[in-house]
Amino acid sequence: MLSEVKAIKVSKETYAKLSEIAGELQVKLRRPVSIEEAMKDLIKRREKGRKISDLAGSWNITETEFTEIKTAINETWQKWNPTEQ
């Protein structure tokens, strides 16, 4: 049984973004991906919601920033650790 097909209009910019998303998905899945499949993937991700693990690797941090954050965390933990007082 064939499913019903509908046509939609999108701007050139939207089509370019969908093509970009399809390309990224193609790299991830290691197979050709259609624009429709890319749209279905976007819908599925929206329905699932985002997980914190989706953000892994998305923050480019310098060594200086890392050191500052680590120092601040260590200082805060020392204030909360009752055995250190």
Protein backbone atom coordinates (compact mmCIF):
# COMPACT_ATOMS: atom_id res chain seq x y z
CA MET A 1 0.00 0.00 0.00
CA LEU A 2 1.41 3.39 -1.00
CA SER A 3 1.22 6.27 1.41
CA GLU A 4 -0.21 9.58 0.33
CA VAL A 5 2.37 12.12 -0.86
CA LYS A 6 2.14 15.88 -0.25
CA ALA A 7 4.24 18.63 -1.75
CA ILE A 8 5.54 21.58 0.29
CA LYS A 9 7.35 24.77 -0.70
CA VAL A 10 10.47 25.84 1.11
CA SER A 11 12.83 28.75 0.55
CA LYS A 12 16.28 28.24 -0.93
CA GLU A 13 17.78 28.89 2.50
CA THR A 14 15.58 26.24 4.13
CA TYR A 15 16.36 23.73 1.40
CA ALA A 16 20.08 24.42 1.81
CA LYS A 17 19.83 23.81 5.58
CA LEU A 18 17.86 20.60 5.03
CA SER A 19 20.50 19.46 2.55
CA GLU A 20 23.20 20.23 5.12
CA ILE A 21 21.34 18.22 7.77
CA ALA A 22 20.87 15.36 5.31
CA GLY A 23 24.61 15.42 4.61
CA GLU A 24 25.46 15.27 8.31
CA LEU A 25 23.03 12.40 8.78
CA GLN A 26 24.54 10.64 5.78
CA VAL A 27 27.98 10.83 7.37
CA LYS A 28 26.58 9.53 10.68
CA LEU A 29 24.65 6.65 9.07
CA ARG A 30 27.27 5.96 6.36
CA ARG A 31 24.64 5.69 3.63
CA PRO A 32 22.69 7.99 1.30
CA VAL A 33 19.98 10.03 3.04
CA SER A 34 17.04 11.80 1.38
CA ILE A 35 15.69 15.21 2.37
CA GLU A 36 12.54 13.45 3.59
CA GLU A 37 14.58 11.17 5.84
CA ALA A 38 16.42 14.20 7.21
CA MET A 39 13.08 15.87 7.99
CA LYS A 40 11.82 12.70 9.69
CA ASP A 41 15.00 12.62 11.77
CA LEU A 42 14.45 16.25 12.83
CA ILE A 43 10.86 15.46 13.80
CA LYS A 44 11.97 12.38 15.76
CA ARG A 45 14.61 14.39 17.63
CA ARG A 46 12.08 17.09 18.47
CA GLU A 47 9.63 14.52 19.80
CA LYS A 48 12.30 12.80 21.89
CA GLY A 49 13.72 15.98 23.33
CA ARG A 50 17.37 16.66 23.81
CA LYS A 51 19.60 14.75 26.16
CA ILE A 52 22.56 16.31 27.91
CA SER A 53 24.80 13.82 26.09
CA ASP A 54 23.76 15.45 22.79
CA LEU A 55 25.92 18.39 23.82
CA ALA A 56 29.08 16.32 24.29
CA GLY A 57 31.92 17.83 22.33
CA SER A 58 29.96 20.95 21.37
CA TRP A 59 31.89 23.33 23.63
CA ASN A 60 35.31 24.40 22.43
CA ILE A 61 37.23 25.32 25.56
CA THR A 62 40.76 26.63 25.93
CA GLU A 63 43.23 25.17 28.40
CA THR A 64 43.05 28.44 30.38
CA GLU A 65 39.25 28.26 30.62
CA PHE A 66 39.47 24.61 31.69
CA THR A 67 41.97 25.45 34.43
CA GLU A 68 39.82 28.35 35.70
CA ILE A 69 36.71 26.17 35.84
CA LYS A 70 38.53 23.28 37.51
CA THR A 71 40.03 25.63 40.12
CA ALA A 72 36.63 27.20 40.86
CA ILE A 73 35.03 23.77 41.27
CA ASN A 74 37.80 22.57 43.58
CA GLU A 75 37.52 25.72 45.71
CA THR A 76 33.75 25.29 45.98
CA TRP A 77 34.06 21.61 46.96
CA GLN A 78 36.57 22.51 49.67
CA LYS A 79 34.03 24.95 51.17
CA TRP A 80 31.38 22.21 51.24
CA ASN A 81 33.60 19.42 52.54
CA PRO A 82 33.16 19.33 56.36
CA THR A 83 36.33 17.24 56.89
CA GLU A 84 38.48 20.04 55.47
CA GLN A 85 37.22 22.72 57.92
